[in-house]
């Protein structure tokens, strides 16, 4: 078989642990499903998987190795990701402050914000997450068995496994959040969700800067 069975089993455990860890992608998907229903939730899910496919392509073709070879490049990605999370946080905080739950937040409104916008937010949030880059470029290659099969094929299969596990987990989150939405449609509750989401996005941005940009050498 193209993958070493023992290494692959260990990799699945590591990948599952990474996927189950809360992060911007998970928050964005839950927020989208709570505010816009399953349609918006699955739009966010699709966006995340598109981002993961981008990371996988970069890993297979060796493009992201440049990010590990040039620390400033990874810091630049982290800073861009933090700024984008701050922007998402601001949009949610503005929606909560104005009480406009029909269009101000990038994730809250159903009537004014389409699924395409939600999908775009998910793509950018995932692509600009340095932790995802490190998962594909620093962690995943450690489970490649030299001589088992071609390295690009093994990387592709490992990356596809991450995406499949991600779809299962995040798909379940969408369905649960979508069902809970019927009890969370009151304006006051939606404003509270927008406020909490905005603050958490900004907190994630701060953690990203602290870990990847401001960390001492």
Protein backbone atom coordinates (compact mmCIF):
# COMPACT_ATOMS: atom_id res chain seq x y z
CA UNK A 1 0.00 0.00 0.00
CA UNK A 2 1.21 3.55 -0.67
CA UNK A 3 1.29 4.53 3.03
CA UNK A 4 3.02 2.86 5.94
CA UNK A 5 0.12 1.45 8.05
CA UNK A 6 1.74 2.17 11.41
CA UNK A 7 2.76 5.70 10.50
CA UNK A 8 -0.63 6.35 8.95
CA UNK A 9 -2.48 5.25 12.08
CA UNK A 10 -0.40 7.59 14.20
CA UNK A 11 -0.93 10.39 11.70
CA UNK A 12 -4.71 9.99 11.89
CA UNK A 13 -4.58 10.43 15.66
CA UNK A 14 -2.43 13.56 15.33
CA UNK A 15 -4.61 14.97 12.54
CA UNK A 16 -7.81 14.31 14.48
CA UNK A 17 -6.40 16.05 17.55
CA UNK A 18 -5.52 19.08 15.43
CA UNK A 19 -8.94 19.15 13.78
CA UNK A 20 -10.82 18.89 17.08
CA UNK A 21 -8.85 21.79 18.57
CA UNK A 22 -10.97 24.98 18.49
CA UNK A 23 -9.73 27.61 16.08
CA UNK A 24 -10.84 30.37 13.70
CA UNK A 25 -12.20 27.90 11.13
CA UNK A 26 -14.42 26.18 13.68
CA UNK A 27 -15.65 29.48 15.08
CA UNK A 28 -16.42 30.82 11.63
CA UNK A 29 -18.40 27.73 10.62
CA UNK A 30 -20.46 27.67 13.82
CA UNK A 31 -21.12 31.41 13.53
CA UNK A 32 -22.25 31.05 9.93
CA UNK A 33 -24.58 28.14 10.72
CA UNK A 34 -26.10 29.88 13.74
CA UNK A 35 -26.78 33.08 11.83
CA UNK A 36 -27.59 31.81 8.35
CA UNK A 37 -28.64 28.20 8.79
CA UNK A 38 -27.20 25.10 7.17
CA UNK A 39 -26.73 26.85 3.82
CA UNK A 40 -24.33 29.41 5.21
CA UNK A 41 -22.72 26.83 7.47
CA UNK A 42 -21.92 24.52 4.57
CA UNK A 43 -20.72 27.50 2.51
CA UNK A 44 -18.18 28.19 5.26
CA UNK A 45 -17.28 24.49 5.39
CA UNK A 46 -16.65 24.44 1.63
CA UNK A 47 -14.49 27.54 1.95
CA UNK A 48 -12.35 25.90 4.62
CA UNK A 49 -11.84 22.81 2.45
CA UNK A 50 -10.84 24.99 -0.51
CA UNK A 51 -8.25 26.60 1.73
CA UNK A 52 -7.01 23.18 2.82
CA UNK A 53 -6.73 22.11 -0.81
CA UNK A 54 -4.55 25.17 -1.37
CA UNK A 55 -2.29 24.15 1.50
CA UNK A 56 -2.17 20.58 0.21
CA UNK A 57 -1.21 21.71 -3.30
CA UNK A 58 1.53 23.89 -1.84
CA UNK A 59 2.83 20.98 0.22
CA UNK A 60 2.81 18.52 -2.67
CA UNK A 61 4.58 20.91 -5.02
CA UNK A 62 6.98 22.14 -2.38
CA UNK A 63 5.93 25.78 -2.56
CA UNK A 64 5.35 26.27 1.16
CA UNK A 65 8.85 25.04 2.01
CA UNK A 66 9.85 28.62 1.25
CA UNK A 67 7.81 29.75 4.24
CA UNK A 68 9.78 27.49 6.56
CA UNK A 69 13.08 28.52 4.98
CA UNK A 70 12.25 32.21 5.39
CA UNK A 71 10.92 32.94 8.90
CA UNK A 72 9.93 36.46 7.89
CA UNK A 73 7.61 35.01 5.25
CA UNK A 74 5.77 32.93 7.84
CA UNK A 75 5.57 35.96 10.12
CA UNK A 76 4.10 37.93 7.23
CA UNK A 77 1.41 35.31 6.69
CA UNK A 78 0.66 35.28 10.42
CA UNK A 79 0.37 39.07 10.52
CA UNK A 80 -1.93 39.10 7.49
CA UNK A 81 -4.05 36.40 9.10
CA UNK A 82 -4.23 38.31 12.38
CA UNK A 83 -5.30 41.48 10.58
CA UNK A 84 -8.01 39.59 8.71
CA UNK A 85 -9.30 38.04 11.94
CA UNK A 86 -9.38 41.52 13.47
CA UNK A 87 -11.43 42.69 10.50
CA UNK A 88 -13.90 39.84 10.96
CA UNK A 89 -14.05 40.63 14.67
CA UNK A 90 -14.70 44.30 13.99
CA UNK A 91 -17.54 43.47 11.60
CA UNK A 92 -19.22 41.32 14.22
CA UNK A 93 -18.70 43.88 17.00
CA UNK A 94 -20.10 46.61 14.78
CA UNK A 95 -23.17 44.50 14.05
CA UNK A 96 -23.69 43.86 17.77
CA UNK A 97 -23.24 47.52 18.70
CA UNK A 98 -25.61 48.79 16.03
CA UNK A 99 -28.13 46.02 16.54
CA UNK A 100 -27.99 45.38 12.79
CA UNK A 101 -28.31 41.64 12.60
CA UNK A 102 -29.40 41.76 8.97
CA UNK A 103 -26.28 42.88 7.26
CA UNK A 104 -23.41 44.41 9.20
CA UNK A 105 -21.54 41.32 10.28
CA UNK A 106 -19.66 39.33 7.71
CA UNK A 107 -21.20 36.19 9.17
CA UNK A 108 -24.42 37.25 10.87
CA UNK A 109 -26.75 38.51 8.16
CA UNK A 110 -28.66 36.19 5.92
CA UNK A 111 -30.57 38.71 3.84
CA UNK A 112 -27.64 40.93 2.84
CA UNK A 113 -24.64 38.61 3.01
CA UNK A 114 -24.67 35.73 0.60
CA UNK A 115 -23.13 32.31 0.91
CA UNK A 116 -20.36 33.42 -1.45
CA UNK A 117 -19.16 36.03 1.03
CA UNK A 118 -19.19 33.47 3.85
CA UNK A 119 -17.24 31.03 1.67
CA UNK A 120 -14.69 33.72 0.81
CA UNK A 121 -14.19 34.57 4.48
CA UNK A 122 -13.59 30.89 5.22
CA UNK A 123 -11.05 30.50 2.40
CA UNK A 124 -9.02 33.51 3.50
CA UNK A 125 -9.21 32.63 7.19
CA UNK A 126 -7.85 29.16 6.47
CA UNK A 127 -5.18 30.18 3.97
CA UNK A 128 -3.83 32.87 6.31
CA UNK A 129 -3.64 30.57 9.33
CA UNK A 130 0.03 29.75 10.00
CA UNK A 131 -0.93 26.78 12.19
CA UNK A 132 -2.52 25.11 9.18
CA UNK A 133 0.59 25.84 7.13
CA UNK A 134 2.76 24.20 9.78
CA UNK A 135 0.43 21.18 9.94
CA UNK A 136 0.85 20.55 6.22
CA UNK A 137 4.51 21.52 5.89
CA UNK A 138 6.16 20.70 9.21
CA UNK A 139 4.02 17.92 10.69
CA UNK A 140 2.64 15.98 7.74
CA UNK A 141 6.01 15.21 6.07
CA UNK A 142 7.11 13.48 9.27
CA UNK A 143 4.67 10.67 8.46
CA UNK A 144 6.04 10.04 4.97
CA UNK A 145 7.84 6.70 4.68
CA UNK A 146 10.77 6.89 2.22
CA UNK A 147 10.63 4.08 -0.29
CA UNK A 148 7.00 3.20 0.46
CA UNK A 149 5.75 5.11 -2.60
CA UNK A 150 6.39 8.47 -4.21
CA UNK A 151 6.59 11.33 -1.72
CA UNK A 152 4.05 13.53 -3.58
CA UNK A 153 1.56 10.63 -3.57
CA UNK A 154 2.01 10.05 0.16
CA UNK A 155 1.63 13.77 0.90
CA UNK A 156 -1.50 13.89 -1.26
CA UNK A 157 -3.05 10.93 0.58
CA UNK A 158 -2.18 12.33 4.01
CA UNK A 159 -3.60 15.72 3.06
CA UNK A 160 -6.75 14.13 1.66
CA UNK A 161 -7.18 12.31 4.98
CA UNK A 162 -7.02 15.63 6.83
CA UNK A 163 -9.66 17.10 4.54
CA UNK A 164 -11.95 14.07 4.89
CA UNK A 165 -11.74 14.12 8.70
CA UNK A 166 -12.32 17.86 8.62
CA UNK A 167 -15.46 17.50 6.49
CA UNK A 168 -16.91 14.89 8.85
CA UNK A 169 -16.25 16.93 11.99
CA UNK A 170 -17.22 20.33 10.63
CA UNK A 171 -20.23 18.90 8.82
CA UNK A 172 -21.50 17.60 12.16
CA UNK A 173 -20.94 21.05 13.68
CA UNK A 174 -22.99 22.66 10.92
CA UNK A 175 -25.91 20.27 11.45
CA UNK A 176 -25.89 20.74 15.23
CA UNK A 177 -25.59 24.53 15.00
CA UNK A 178 -28.24 24.67 12.29
CA UNK A 179 -30.71 22.80 14.49
CA UNK A 180 -29.90 25.04 17.45
CA UNK A 181 -30.53 28.12 15.34
CA UNK A 182 -34.31 27.92 15.79
CA UNK A 183 -33.82 28.73 19.48
CA UNK A 184 -31.27 31.45 18.84
CA UNK A 185 -33.04 33.69 16.35
CA UNK A 186 -34.12 36.40 18.79
CA UNK A 187 -32.34 39.72 18.08
CA UNK A 188 -30.93 39.92 21.61
CA UNK A 189 -29.43 36.46 21.37
CA UNK A 190 -28.03 37.16 17.91
CA UNK A 191 -26.42 40.37 19.19
CA UNK A 192 -24.84 38.41 22.03
CA UNK A 193 -23.50 35.82 19.60
CA UNK A 194 -22.11 38.55 17.35
CA UNK A 195 -20.44 40.26 20.32
CA UNK A 196 -18.89 37.03 21.61
CA UNK A 197 -17.77 36.01 18.12
CA UNK A 198 -16.15 39.37 17.48
CA UNK A 199 -14.22 39.25 20.74
CA UNK A 200 -13.05 35.68 20.12
CA UNK A 201 -11.89 36.50 16.58
CA UNK A 202 -9.82 39.38 17.97
CA UNK A 203 -8.46 37.11 20.72
CA UNK A 204 -7.40 34.56 18.09
CA UNK A 205 -5.66 37.39 16.22
CA UNK A 206 -3.78 38.37 19.36
CA UNK A 207 -2.69 34.79 19.98
CA UNK A 208 -1.53 34.47 16.38
CA UNK A 209 0.63 37.59 16.65
CA UNK A 210 2.03 36.49 20.01
CA UNK A 211 2.92 33.02 18.79
CA UNK A 212 4.21 33.70 15.29
CA UNK A 213 5.16 37.38 15.10
CA UNK A 214 6.05 38.69 18.54
CA UNK A 215 7.66 35.50 19.86
CA UNK A 216 11.34 35.88 20.72
CA UNK A 217 13.86 34.26 18.42
